[in-house]
């Protein structure tokens, strides 16, 4: 076993005096904009309403309820606000994605640091710095596990790696020592949780995994701050995190911590569904635009390549994907995504929210979708997520398309205007512009909470 534990290496990174580049600073603000838009845009979903109903809220900020529940004007304790905001923000499946580890940093890291900042009055620059550290640690922990290994054991990478990132972020915000932060990270490894069983019936536990990781990260940091101890080798030890949720410390994998690197490598979603589906949706929408008269009667089969690591999420078992009883069933369903993209040229929040009806209307389209694996895509994965589709027509014509990076990936990074447009579809144009302005104009040397309070209480709209 390595003499210096992985938990300590992560803690040292969290405690180091990093200076963000202009690129990192500007991108973190855009990631914050995206996070707030998807959170506020998701507060009316049934799962968000249910999770809010499970805790005690206050219409005013109080000593024991200092943290804002975004988009509601209500307040909760820091841990409960992190739980609520995390579960809500993960509900629309529009949250950012670190593709190499197949996880979603924003919906874990921002709920934790914003809740603690509300409670402690931390400065905007301190909060953004802590969030950057959280992205670094969460994403590197996910790379160590490996998406294929985690999924293969039935675990949700966002849930299990997220708590480690949240703990590191909160420890950074609270200025814990290296020893305390090591314990916080190790305690987080002990609190990690999150399964994939939601795939069996379209229930809501995936959304809970994000909120649970965020709230548990706060708990881990506070326990460490109070002197509670955890095993030094909680991550790589015989009975530790990597052996529980993956296949141990896999040869060739090690921590590659560089401040802001993970945030800059994080992709933005433009479709409300699993990121593994996005490239094929891009390509099929493109085919629809180029062949607007293409009808069901013209098509023999719609072939979509699926990365093996994501197959258990979006294509297997094939017979299960023909059953769409809930929005969650559609969010993790390549045949559904392919059908709406090629049949309608769209893939909107409204279509996924009304998935049972849409699936019924497009049932024959779903039945024409066949998912397959591609050697070309597997060779590029996980460093690069690529896509390929083939639409075979009854007259023998084959329409093929390939994409070397999904839209919104680091090589095709989302612009500020694109993110404001995305936010407008969730909270309305005026609110999106106000949200954008408030984040762009943040005074880094002033408390963050007061600057974001009004922007984070805007009313959502029903997206189309």
Protein backbone atom coordinates (compact mmCIF):
# COMPACT_ATOMS: atom_id res chain seq x y z
CA UNK A 1 0.00 0.00 0.00
CA UNK A 2 1.28 3.47 -0.89
CA UNK A 3 2.77 5.20 2.14
CA UNK A 4 0.76 8.37 1.56
CA UNK A 5 -2.95 7.70 1.47
CA UNK A 6 -5.21 8.87 -1.33
CA UNK A 7 -7.33 10.73 1.22
CA UNK A 8 -4.27 12.74 2.28
CA UNK A 9 -3.33 13.50 -1.31
CA UNK A 10 -6.82 14.84 -1.92
CA UNK A 11 -6.68 16.82 1.33
CA UNK A 12 -3.37 18.40 0.41
CA UNK A 13 -4.85 19.56 -2.86
CA UNK A 14 -7.88 20.97 -1.05
CA UNK A 15 -5.71 22.89 1.40
CA UNK A 16 -3.22 24.27 -1.13
CA UNK A 17 -3.29 28.05 -1.88
CA UNK A 18 -4.48 27.83 -5.47
CA UNK A 19 -4.92 30.86 -7.70
CA UNK A 20 -7.53 30.45 -10.42
CA UNK A 21 -6.79 31.47 -13.97
CA UNK A 22 -9.18 33.84 -15.73
CA UNK A 23 -10.50 30.88 -17.73
CA UNK A 24 -11.27 28.87 -14.60
CA UNK A 25 -12.89 31.85 -12.84
CA UNK A 26 -15.15 32.67 -15.77
CA UNK A 27 -16.12 29.03 -16.35
CA UNK A 28 -16.97 28.43 -12.68
CA UNK A 29 -19.40 31.35 -12.84
CA UNK A 30 -21.04 29.84 -15.91
CA UNK A 31 -21.30 26.46 -14.20
CA UNK A 32 -22.97 28.24 -11.28
CA UNK A 33 -25.40 29.91 -13.70
CA UNK A 34 -26.25 26.54 -15.23
CA UNK A 35 -26.70 24.94 -11.82
CA UNK A 36 -29.10 27.63 -10.56
CA UNK A 37 -31.14 27.56 -13.78
CA UNK A 38 -31.70 23.80 -13.71
CA UNK A 39 -32.45 23.86 -9.98
CA UNK A 40 -35.00 26.65 -10.18
CA UNK A 41 -36.41 25.16 -13.37
CA UNK A 42 -36.98 21.86 -11.59
CA UNK A 43 -38.70 22.94 -8.38
CA UNK A 44 -42.22 22.07 -9.58
CA UNK A 45 -41.40 18.46 -10.47
CA UNK A 46 -43.14 15.91 -8.29
CA UNK A 47 -39.90 14.55 -6.86
CA UNK A 48 -38.78 18.06 -5.85
CA UNK A 49 -42.12 18.80 -4.19
CA UNK A 50 -41.97 15.50 -2.30
CA UNK A 51 -38.44 15.99 -1.00
CA UNK A 52 -39.28 19.53 0.19
CA UNK A 53 -42.34 18.18 1.98
CA UNK A 54 -40.12 15.84 3.97
CA UNK A 55 -38.35 18.59 5.92
CA UNK A 56 -39.24 21.62 7.99
CA UNK A 57 -38.85 24.92 6.12
CA UNK A 58 -39.06 28.56 7.16
CA UNK A 59 -40.30 31.50 5.05
CA UNK A 60 -37.63 33.64 6.71
CA UNK A 61 -33.93 33.17 7.34
CA UNK A 62 -33.37 32.07 10.94
CA UNK A 63 -30.40 30.95 12.98
CA UNK A 64 -31.26 27.27 12.61
CA UNK A 65 -32.55 27.64 9.03
CA UNK A 66 -30.06 29.95 7.31
CA UNK A 67 -29.72 28.29 3.90
CA UNK A 68 -31.86 29.16 0.89
CA UNK A 69 -33.83 26.47 -0.92
CA UNK A 70 -33.29 27.79 -4.42
CA UNK A 71 -36.27 29.04 -6.34
CA UNK A 72 -38.66 28.82 -3.39
CA UNK A 73 -37.93 31.73 -1.05
CA UNK A 74 -37.83 29.20 1.80
CA UNK A 75 -34.98 28.38 4.16
CA UNK A 76 -33.65 25.23 5.80
CA UNK A 77 -30.64 24.03 7.74
CA UNK A 78 -27.48 23.80 5.66
CA UNK A 79 -27.59 20.00 5.39
CA UNK A 80 -31.28 19.92 4.53
CA UNK A 81 -30.90 22.72 1.97
CA UNK A 82 -28.08 20.76 0.34
CA UNK A 83 -30.28 17.67 0.25
CA UNK A 84 -33.23 19.54 -1.25
CA UNK A 85 -31.25 21.56 -3.78
CA UNK A 86 -29.20 18.57 -4.86
CA UNK A 87 -32.21 16.32 -5.39
CA UNK A 88 -34.08 19.09 -7.21
CA UNK A 89 -31.22 20.05 -9.51
CA UNK A 90 -30.70 16.44 -10.58
CA UNK A 91 -34.35 15.93 -11.49
CA UNK A 92 -34.45 17.38 -15.00
CA UNK A 93 -31.33 15.47 -16.13
CA UNK A 94 -29.94 18.72 -17.53
CA UNK A 95 -26.97 18.96 -15.15
CA UNK A 96 -23.34 19.21 -16.21
CA UNK A 97 -21.32 16.04 -16.81
CA UNK A 98 -17.68 15.10 -16.31
CA UNK A 99 -17.59 12.51 -19.04
CA UNK A 100 -14.40 10.63 -18.17
CA UNK A 101 -15.94 9.48 -14.88
CA UNK A 102 -19.59 9.67 -16.00
CA UNK A 103 -20.73 11.87 -13.13
CA UNK A 104 -22.46 15.18 -12.48
CA UNK A 105 -20.45 17.58 -10.28
CA UNK A 106 -22.66 20.67 -10.08
CA UNK A 107 -25.64 18.99 -8.44
CA UNK A 108 -23.47 17.79 -5.55
CA UNK A 109 -20.83 20.49 -5.14
CA UNK A 110 -22.86 23.69 -5.50
CA UNK A 111 -25.69 22.68 -3.12
CA UNK A 112 -23.10 21.95 -0.43
CA UNK A 113 -20.94 25.06 -0.74
CA UNK A 114 -23.86 27.45 -1.27
CA UNK A 115 -25.69 26.12 1.80
CA UNK A 116 -22.61 26.43 4.00
CA UNK A 117 -21.91 29.88 2.55
CA UNK A 118 -25.45 30.98 3.41
CA UNK A 119 -24.86 29.82 6.96
CA UNK A 120 -21.37 31.28 7.40
CA UNK A 121 -21.43 34.40 5.26
CA UNK A 122 -18.47 33.30 3.13
CA UNK A 123 -17.14 35.56 0.39
CA UNK A 124 -18.00 34.87 -3.23
CA UNK A 125 -14.39 34.14 -4.20
CA UNK A 126 -14.06 31.71 -1.29
CA UNK A 127 -17.17 29.85 -2.41
CA UNK A 128 -16.10 29.61 -6.04
CA UNK A 129 -12.63 28.46 -4.95
CA UNK A 130 -14.13 25.75 -2.73
CA UNK A 131 -16.45 24.66 -5.55
CA UNK A 132 -13.47 24.36 -7.90
CA UNK A 133 -11.71 22.12 -5.39
CA UNK A 134 -14.90 20.08 -5.07
CA UNK A 135 -15.00 19.53 -8.83
CA UNK A 136 -11.33 18.47 -8.79
CA UNK A 137 -11.75 15.97 -5.98
CA UNK A 138 -15.11 14.52 -7.03
CA UNK A 139 -14.04 13.99 -10.62
CA UNK A 140 -10.68 12.46 -9.75
CA UNK A 141 -12.35 10.12 -7.27
CA UNK A 142 -14.70 9.09 -10.05
CA UNK A 143 -11.81 8.42 -12.43
CA UNK A 144 -10.19 6.19 -9.81
CA UNK A 145 -13.37 4.11 -9.49
CA UNK A 146 -14.01 3.97 -13.24
CA UNK A 147 -17.46 4.44 -14.73
CA UNK A 148 -17.65 0.95 -16.21
CA UNK A 149 -16.56 -0.65 -12.93
CA UNK A 150 -19.01 1.40 -10.85
CA UNK A 151 -21.95 0.79 -13.19
CA UNK A 152 -21.00 -2.87 -13.41
CA UNK A 153 -21.47 -3.19 -9.64
CA UNK A 154 -24.79 -1.34 -9.71
CA UNK A 155 -23.57 1.96 -8.25
CA UNK A 156 -24.25 5.53 -9.35
CA UNK A 157 -20.93 7.43 -9.73
CA UNK A 158 -22.46 10.80 -8.85
CA UNK A 159 -23.71 9.44 -5.55
CA UNK A 160 -20.61 7.56 -4.49
CA UNK A 161 -17.86 9.92 -5.72
CA UNK A 162 -19.91 13.04 -5.05
CA UNK A 163 -19.80 12.85 -1.28
CA UNK A 164 -15.99 12.87 -1.35
CA UNK A 165 -15.98 15.97 -3.54
CA UNK A 166 -18.56 17.72 -1.38
CA UNK A 167 -16.59 16.97 1.79
CA UNK A 168 -13.41 18.38 0.27
CA UNK A 169 -15.23 21.48 -0.96
CA UNK A 170 -16.82 22.20 2.42
CA UNK A 171 -13.53 21.49 4.22
CA UNK A 172 -11.89 24.05 1.95
CA UNK A 173 -14.60 26.61 2.65
CA UNK A 174 -14.32 26.03 6.41
CA UNK A 175 -10.50 26.28 6.21
CA UNK A 176 -9.92 22.91 7.84
CA UNK A 177 -6.34 21.76 8.36
CA UNK A 178 -4.78 19.07 6.17
CA UNK A 179 -5.29 16.47 8.89
CA UNK A 180 -8.93 17.50 9.38
CA UNK A 181 -9.53 17.49 5.63
CA UNK A 182 -7.98 14.03 5.34
CA UNK A 183 -10.46 12.80 7.92
CA UNK A 184 -13.30 14.62 6.13
CA UNK A 185 -12.50 12.88 2.85
CA UNK A 186 -12.13 9.51 4.58
CA UNK A 187 -15.37 9.97 6.48
CA UNK A 188 -17.08 10.83 3.21
CA UNK A 189 -15.84 7.58 1.71
CA UNK A 190 -17.60 5.81 4.57
CA UNK A 191 -20.86 7.70 3.92
CA UNK A 192 -20.96 7.11 0.16
CA UNK A 193 -24.12 5.57 -1.28
CA UNK A 194 -26.26 5.38 -4.39
CA UNK A 195 -27.60 2.50 -6.49
CA UNK A 196 -28.88 2.13 -10.05
CA UNK A 197 -31.98 0.16 -9.13
CA UNK A 198 -34.16 3.11 -10.18
CA UNK A 199 -33.71 1.77 -13.71
CA UNK A 200 -36.01 -1.16 -12.92
CA UNK A 201 -39.17 0.93 -12.53
CA UNK A 202 -38.42 4.60 -13.26
CA UNK A 203 -38.51 5.79 -9.65
CA UNK A 204 -36.70 8.80 -8.18
CA UNK A 205 -33.72 7.53 -6.18
CA UNK A 206 -31.12 8.71 -8.70
CA UNK A 207 -32.20 12.28 -7.92
CA UNK A 208 -31.86 11.62 -4.21
CA UNK A 209 -28.31 10.35 -4.70
CA UNK A 210 -27.09 13.84 -5.59
CA UNK A 211 -28.76 15.50 -2.60
CA UNK A 212 -27.62 12.76 -0.23
CA UNK A 213 -24.01 13.11 -1.40
CA UNK A 214 -24.14 16.89 -0.99
CA UNK A 215 -25.63 16.81 2.52
CA UNK A 216 -23.36 13.95 3.61
CA UNK A 217 -20.32 15.88 2.43
CA UNK A 218 -21.26 18.71 4.80
CA UNK A 219 -21.70 16.20 7.61
CA UNK A 220 -18.31 14.59 6.93
CA UNK A 221 -16.52 17.96 6.99
CA UNK A 222 -18.22 19.00 10.22
CA UNK A 223 -17.45 15.70 11.90
CA UNK A 224 -13.79 16.09 10.96
CA UNK A 225 -13.80 19.68 12.16
CA UNK A 226 -15.02 18.41 15.54
CA UNK A 227 -12.23 15.84 15.80
CA UNK A 228 -14.03 12.71 14.59
CA UNK A 229 -11.57 10.32 12.97
CA UNK A 230 -11.66 7.99 9.96
CA UNK A 231 -9.26 5.37 8.52
CA UNK A 232 -6.27 6.92 6.78
CA UNK A 233 -6.64 4.47 3.86
CA UNK A 234 -10.43 4.68 3.65
CA UNK A 235 -10.27 5.03 -0.12
CA UNK A 236 -7.73 2.42 -1.26
CA UNK A 237 -7.71 0.08 1.76
CA UNK A 238 -8.70 -3.59 1.65
CA UNK A 239 -12.26 -2.79 2.72
CA UNK A 240 -12.22 0.76 1.42
CA UNK A 241 -14.08 2.87 -1.08
CA UNK A 242 -12.42 1.67 -4.30
CA UNK A 243 -12.91 -2.00 -3.48
CA UNK A 244 -16.51 -1.43 -2.48
CA UNK A 245 -17.69 0.64 -5.43
CA UNK A 246 -15.20 -0.38 -8.13
CA UNK A 247 -12.52 -3.01 -8.58
CA UNK A 248 -9.88 -1.55 -6.31
CA UNK A 249 -7.01 0.66 -7.39
CA UNK A 250 -6.79 -0.30 -11.06
CA UNK A 251 -3.33 -0.38 -12.64
CA UNK A 252 -2.59 2.78 -14.58
CA UNK A 253 -4.96 4.96 -12.55
CA UNK A 254 -3.68 7.55 -10.13
CA UNK A 255 -4.68 10.99 -8.91
CA UNK A 256 -3.94 13.72 -11.42
CA UNK A 257 -4.91 16.79 -9.47
CA UNK A 258 -4.60 20.14 -11.21
CA UNK A 259 -6.60 23.08 -9.91
CA UNK A 260 -9.58 23.79 -12.17
CA UNK A 261 -8.77 21.04 -14.67
CA UNK A 262 -11.85 18.98 -13.88
CA UNK A 263 -14.20 21.95 -14.10
CA UNK A 264 -12.75 22.91 -17.48
CA UNK A 265 -13.25 19.31 -18.64
CA UNK A 266 -16.91 19.31 -17.60
CA UNK A 267 -19.59 19.26 -20.31
CA UNK A 268 -22.94 21.03 -20.49
CA UNK A 269 -26.16 19.21 -21.29
CA UNK A 270 -28.71 20.52 -23.76
CA UNK A 271 -31.11 17.56 -23.60
CA UNK A 272 -32.99 16.44 -20.45
CA UNK A 273 -31.72 12.88 -20.39
CA UNK A 274 -28.70 10.69 -19.69
CA UNK A 275 -25.53 12.14 -21.21
CA UNK A 276 -24.78 8.83 -22.95
CA UNK A 277 -27.76 9.55 -25.25
CA UNK A 278 -26.79 13.05 -26.33
CA UNK A 279 -24.43 12.36 -29.23
CA UNK A 280 -26.95 10.15 -30.99
CA UNK A 281 -29.69 12.72 -30.43
CA UNK A 282 -27.42 15.36 -31.99
CA UNK A 283 -26.92 13.19 -35.08
CA UNK A 284 -30.54 12.11 -35.50
CA UNK A 285 -31.78 15.69 -35.17
CA UNK A 286 -29.28 16.62 -37.86
CA UNK A 287 -30.64 13.88 -40.14
CA UNK A 288 -34.18 15.15 -39.49
CA UNK A 289 -33.19 18.69 -40.47
CA UNK A 290 -31.59 17.41 -43.69
CA UNK A 291 -34.49 15.05 -44.52
CA UNK A 292 -37.61 16.80 -43.20
CA UNK A 293 -39.95 14.57 -45.20
CA UNK A 294 -38.57 11.33 -43.79
CA UNK A 295 -41.45 9.26 -42.48
CA UNK A 296 -41.94 6.07 -40.57
CA UNK A 297 -42.97 4.30 -43.75
CA UNK A 298 -39.56 5.09 -45.29
CA UNK A 299 -37.46 3.60 -42.47
CA UNK A 300 -36.36 0.02 -42.06
CA UNK A 301 -34.18 0.36 -38.95
CA UNK A 302 -32.58 3.10 -36.83
CA UNK A 303 -29.19 1.91 -35.55
CA UNK A 304 -27.59 3.81 -32.68
CA UNK A 305 -24.16 3.05 -31.24
CA UNK A 306 -24.08 2.85 -27.44
CA UNK A 307 -20.96 2.98 -25.30
CA UNK A 308 -20.59 -0.24 -23.33
CA UNK A 309 -20.19 1.67 -20.05
CA UNK A 310 -23.60 3.26 -20.55
CA UNK A 311 -25.47 0.26 -21.93
CA UNK A 312 -26.91 -0.75 -18.56
CA UNK A 313 -28.35 2.75 -18.28
CA UNK A 314 -29.80 3.47 -21.71
CA UNK A 315 -30.19 0.30 -23.79
CA UNK A 316 -30.20 -2.89 -21.69
CA UNK A 317 -32.31 -4.91 -21.50
CA UNK A 318 -33.86 -3.91 -24.86
CA UNK A 319 -37.33 -5.14 -23.94
CA UNK A 320 -37.37 -2.95 -20.81
CA UNK A 321 -36.67 0.16 -22.88
CA UNK A 322 -39.92 -0.32 -24.78
CA UNK A 323 -41.80 0.28 -21.51
CA UNK A 324 -42.10 3.99 -20.72
CA UNK A 325 -44.29 4.57 -17.68
CA UNK A 326 -42.49 7.55 -16.14
CA UNK A 327 -40.23 10.46 -17.18
CA UNK A 328 -37.30 8.59 -15.61
CA UNK A 329 -37.94 5.65 -17.94
CA UNK A 330 -37.47 8.06 -20.85
CA UNK A 331 -34.47 9.87 -19.42
CA UNK A 332 -32.51 6.60 -19.54
CA UNK A 333 -33.78 5.22 -22.81
CA UNK A 334 -31.88 5.43 -26.09
CA UNK A 335 -34.81 4.15 -28.19
CA UNK A 336 -37.03 6.90 -26.76
CA UNK A 337 -34.37 9.57 -27.35
CA UNK A 338 -33.75 8.32 -30.87
CA UNK A 339 -37.45 8.25 -31.67
CA UNK A 340 -38.21 11.79 -30.52
CA UNK A 341 -35.08 13.15 -32.22
CA UNK A 342 -35.72 11.56 -35.62
CA UNK A 343 -39.52 11.78 -35.62
CA UNK A 344 -39.85 15.34 -34.30
CA UNK A 345 -36.39 16.89 -34.69
CA UNK A 346 -36.44 17.83 -30.99
CA UNK A 347 -35.66 16.45 -27.54
CA UNK A 348 -37.30 18.83 -25.08
CA UNK A 349 -38.10 18.94 -21.39
CA UNK A 350 -41.80 18.83 -22.24
CA UNK A 351 -41.40 15.66 -24.31
CA UNK A 352 -39.52 13.88 -21.54
CA UNK A 353 -41.92 15.09 -18.85
CA UNK A 354 -44.86 13.78 -20.91
CA UNK A 355 -42.94 10.62 -21.79
CA UNK A 356 -45.71 7.97 -21.45
CA UNK A 357 -47.96 9.77 -23.94
CA UNK A 358 -45.08 10.61 -26.28
CA UNK A 359 -43.84 7.01 -26.19
CA UNK A 360 -47.33 5.76 -26.99
CA UNK A 361 -47.58 8.13 -29.96
CA UNK A 362 -44.11 7.13 -31.20
CA UNK A 363 -44.32 3.45 -30.34
CA UNK A 364 -43.60 2.26 -33.88
CA UNK A 365 -40.56 4.55 -34.05
CA UNK A 366 -39.19 3.10 -30.79
CA UNK A 367 -39.65 -0.36 -32.22
CA UNK A 368 -37.35 0.45 -35.13
CA UNK A 369 -34.40 1.43 -32.92
CA UNK A 370 -31.59 -1.07 -32.51
CA UNK A 371 -28.63 -0.32 -30.23
CA UNK A 372 -25.19 -1.73 -30.98
CA UNK A 373 -21.59 -1.36 -29.80
CA UNK A 374 -18.86 0.23 -31.89
CA UNK A 375 -15.14 -0.57 -31.82
CA UNK A 376 -14.39 2.99 -32.95
CA UNK A 377 -16.30 4.52 -30.04
CA UNK A 378 -14.88 2.09 -27.49
CA UNK A 379 -11.31 2.88 -28.58
CA UNK A 380 -11.84 6.58 -27.84
CA UNK A 381 -13.67 6.06 -24.53
CA UNK A 382 -13.46 7.30 -21.76
CA UNK A 383 -11.21 10.18 -22.76
CA UNK A 384 -13.59 11.07 -25.58
CA UNK A 385 -17.30 10.33 -25.91
CA UNK A 386 -18.20 9.89 -29.58
CA UNK A 387 -21.40 8.95 -31.39
CA UNK A 388 -22.50 7.21 -34.56
CA UNK A 389 -25.85 6.33 -36.07
CA UNK A 390 -27.16 4.62 -39.19
CA UNK A 391 -30.67 5.09 -40.54
CA UNK A 392 -31.42 2.35 -43.07
CA UNK A 393 -34.25 3.08 -45.45
CA UNK A 394 -36.49 0.55 -47.15
CA UNK A 395 -35.18 1.57 -50.58
CA UNK A 396 -31.67 0.45 -49.55
CA UNK A 397 -30.33 3.93 -48.75
CA UNK A 398 -28.20 4.18 -45.59
CA UNK A 399 -27.81 7.57 -43.89
CA UNK A 400 -24.75 7.51 -41.62
CA UNK A 401 -23.47 10.15 -39.24
CA UNK A 402 -20.53 10.35 -36.81
CA UNK A 403 -19.73 12.88 -34.06
CA UNK A 404 -16.31 13.04 -32.38
CA UNK A 405 -17.60 15.03 -29.39
CA UNK A 406 -21.08 15.62 -28.02
CA UNK A 407 -22.37 19.18 -28.18
CA UNK A 408 -21.37 21.03 -25.02
CA UNK A 409 -18.20 18.98 -24.51
CA UNK A 410 -14.90 20.75 -23.70
CA UNK A 411 -13.89 20.68 -27.37
CA UNK A 412 -17.22 22.31 -28.24
CA UNK A 413 -17.67 24.25 -25.02
CA UNK A 414 -20.99 25.93 -24.33
CA UNK A 415 -20.93 29.70 -24.61
CA UNK A 416 -22.40 32.17 -22.19
CA UNK A 417 -25.15 32.99 -24.69
CA UNK A 418 -26.03 29.30 -25.05
CA UNK A 419 -26.26 28.92 -21.28
CA UNK A 420 -28.48 32.00 -20.97
CA UNK A 421 -30.72 30.60 -23.73
CA UNK A 422 -30.87 27.27 -21.91
CA UNK A 423 -31.76 29.07 -18.66
CA UNK A 424 -34.46 31.09 -20.45
CA UNK A 425 -36.24 27.86 -21.36
CA UNK A 426 -36.33 26.94 -17.68
CA UNK A 427 -36.94 30.20 -15.81
CA UNK A 428 -38.01 32.66 -18.52
CA UNK A 429 -35.99 35.18 -20.53
CA UNK A 430 -36.10 38.05 -18.04
CA UNK A 431 -35.15 35.86 -15.10
CA UNK A 432 -32.38 34.19 -17.11
CA UNK A 433 -30.85 37.56 -17.97
CA UNK A 434 -31.12 38.69 -14.35
CA UNK A 435 -29.51 35.47 -13.17
CA UNK A 436 -26.71 35.86 -15.69
CA UNK A 437 -26.08 39.47 -14.71
CA UNK A 438 -26.04 38.75 -10.99
CA UNK A 439 -23.43 36.02 -11.43
CA UNK A 440 -21.30 37.94 -13.93
CA UNK A 441 -21.24 40.95 -11.60
CA UNK A 442 -20.46 39.06 -8.39
CA UNK A 443 -18.16 40.98 -6.06
CA UNK A 444 -15.64 38.35 -5.05
CA UNK A 445 -14.70 40.16 -1.86
CA UNK A 446 -18.28 40.36 -0.56
CA UNK A 447 -20.48 37.62 0.92
CA UNK A 448 -22.00 35.50 -1.80
CA UNK A 449 -25.37 34.87 -0.16
CA UNK A 450 -26.69 38.41 -0.36
CA UNK A 451 -25.59 38.82 -3.95
CA UNK A 452 -27.39 35.69 -5.13
CA UNK A 453 -30.45 35.78 -2.90
CA UNK A 454 -32.82 37.58 -5.28
CA UNK A 455 -31.53 35.79 -8.36
CA UNK A 456 -31.96 32.40 -6.68
CA UNK A 457 -35.60 33.13 -5.83
CA UNK A 458 -36.88 33.71 -9.38
CA UNK A 459 -40.00 31.87 -10.45
CA UNK A 460 -39.58 28.94 -12.86
CA UNK A 461 -41.55 28.49 -16.05
CA UNK A 462 -42.79 25.34 -17.69
CA UNK A 463 -40.18 24.57 -20.33
CA UNK A 464 -41.21 23.57 -23.85
